[in-house]
Amino acid sequence: QVQLAESGGGLVQPGGSLRLSCTASGFTVSTYSMMWYRQAQGKEREWVAAIGATGDVAPYPDSVKGRFTISKENAKNTVFLQMNNLRTEDTAVYYCNRNTYWGQGTQVPVSS
């Protein structure tokens, strides 16, 4: 059974950093492309990062380019999203994704 479990969210001040984790079960992240999405209240879900099975990373959208970094650790079957220089507009629920599978999301409020 495929499961994705996000963690690492929480309140952070503007300019701060967080690292989100997505621990997978039921499959190995080394054999699938994995993605991070986010959804702010009242807005559509937005793709923010993707990493291929072999570790190749897709170009980031302009909204997070230069601030967010996706990575994975196959030994831990976990995908990460390092978020630096956070802005209030990064406030959202962040979701891990593989094809049609989604995690439950982790909230990231960015506020002073």
Protein backbone atom coordinates (compact mmCIF):
# COMPACT_ATOMS: atom_id res chain seq x y z
CA GLN A 1 0.00 0.00 0.00
CA VAL A 2 1.46 3.31 -1.13
CA GLN A 3 1.65 5.93 1.58
CA LEU A 4 3.29 9.35 1.76
CA ALA A 5 3.83 11.10 5.08
CA GLU A 6 4.95 14.73 5.19
CA SER A 7 6.53 16.32 8.23
CA GLY A 8 8.59 19.34 9.17
CA GLY A 9 6.05 22.11 8.77
CA GLY A 10 5.42 24.80 11.32
CA LEU A 11 5.34 28.52 11.94
CA VAL A 12 8.37 30.36 10.61
CA GLN A 13 9.23 34.04 10.34
CA PRO A 14 9.86 35.73 7.00
CA GLY A 15 13.45 35.12 5.95
CA GLY A 16 13.59 31.87 7.87
CA SER A 17 14.14 28.31 6.70
CA LEU A 18 12.43 24.96 7.01
CA ARG A 19 13.11 21.49 5.71
CA LEU A 20 10.12 19.36 4.87
CA SER A 21 10.33 15.59 4.70
CA CYS A 22 8.19 13.09 2.83
CA THR A 23 8.66 9.51 3.96
CA ALA A 24 7.34 6.95 1.53
CA SER A 25 6.13 3.42 2.15
CA GLY A 26 4.85 0.74 -0.18
CA PHE A 27 7.37 1.66 -2.87
CA THR A 28 10.91 2.98 -3.20
CA VAL A 29 11.58 6.61 -4.09
CA SER A 30 14.62 5.50 -6.07
CA THR A 31 12.33 4.17 -8.80
CA TYR A 32 9.80 6.99 -9.15
CA SER A 33 9.69 10.68 -9.83
CA MET A 34 8.52 12.60 -6.78
CA MET A 35 7.01 16.04 -6.49
CA TRP A 36 6.13 18.72 -3.97
CA TYR A 37 3.05 20.87 -4.34
CA ARG A 38 1.53 23.55 -2.18
CA GLN A 39 -1.91 25.02 -1.75
CA ALA A 40 -2.62 28.34 -0.15
CA GLN A 41 -6.03 29.04 1.29
CA GLY A 42 -8.46 29.96 -1.46
CA LYS A 43 -5.99 29.18 -4.24
CA GLU A 44 -5.33 26.31 -6.60
CA ARG A 45 -2.70 23.71 -5.84
CA GLU A 46 0.70 24.79 -7.21
CA TRP A 47 3.60 22.59 -8.23
CA VAL A 48 6.88 23.69 -6.62
CA ALA A 49 9.50 20.99 -7.18
CA ALA A 50 10.19 17.64 -8.82
CA ILE A 51 12.97 15.09 -8.66
CA GLY A 52 13.36 12.17 -11.02
CA ALA A 53 14.04 8.54 -10.17
CA THR A 54 17.72 9.02 -10.92
CA GLY A 55 17.94 12.25 -8.94
CA ASP A 56 17.63 14.74 -11.78
CA VAL A 57 15.80 17.88 -10.69
CA ALA A 58 13.35 19.78 -12.84
CA PRO A 59 13.67 23.55 -13.21
CA TYR A 60 11.85 25.24 -10.38
CA PRO A 61 8.98 27.63 -10.94
CA ASP A 62 9.90 31.29 -10.65
CA SER A 63 7.98 31.60 -7.40
CA VAL A 64 10.52 29.41 -5.55
CA LYS A 65 13.61 29.41 -7.79
CA GLY A 66 16.80 30.06 -5.88
CA ARG A 67 15.10 29.52 -2.51
CA PHE A 68 13.74 25.94 -2.56
CA THR A 69 15.72 22.77 -3.14
CA ILE A 70 14.35 19.26 -3.57
CA SER A 71 16.47 16.24 -2.73
CA LYS A 72 16.06 12.66 -1.66
CA GLU A 73 17.80 10.04 0.42
CA ASN A 74 17.10 6.62 -1.01
CA ALA A 75 18.41 4.80 2.07
CA LYS A 76 15.72 6.51 4.13
CA ASN A 77 13.12 6.33 1.35
CA THR A 78 12.53 10.03 1.95
CA VAL A 79 12.24 13.12 -0.20
CA PHE A 80 13.09 16.55 1.20
CA LEU A 81 12.19 20.12 0.40
CA GLN A 82 14.64 22.66 1.78
CA MET A 83 13.00 26.08 1.89
CA ASN A 84 15.14 29.16 2.52
CA ASN A 85 14.40 32.87 2.67
CA LEU A 86 10.72 32.15 3.21
CA ARG A 87 8.17 34.81 2.38
CA THR A 88 4.65 35.38 3.63
CA GLU A 89 3.39 34.32 0.21
CA ASP A 90 4.93 30.87 0.78
CA THR A 91 2.27 30.25 3.42
CA ALA A 92 0.44 27.10 2.34
CA VAL A 93 -0.14 23.44 3.00
CA TYR A 94 2.67 21.50 1.36
CA TYR A 95 2.00 18.10 -0.17
CA CYS A 96 4.18 15.28 -1.37
CA ASN A 97 3.09 13.51 -4.55
CA ARG A 98 3.77 10.46 -6.64
CA ASN A 99 1.49 10.07 -9.62
CA THR A 100 -2.02 9.82 -8.16
CA TYR A 101 -0.84 9.41 -4.57
CA TRP A 102 -0.81 12.32 -2.12
CA GLY A 103 0.26 12.77 1.43
CA GLN A 104 -1.90 14.43 4.07
CA GLY A 105 0.06 17.67 3.82
CA THR A 106 2.01 19.74 6.30
CA GLN A 107 1.20 23.35 7.11
CA VAL A 108 3.74 26.09 6.67
CA PRO A 109 2.60 29.46 7.98
CA VAL A 110 5.12 32.24 7.32
CA SER A 111 4.42 35.17 9.59
CA SER A 112 6.09 37.60 11.92
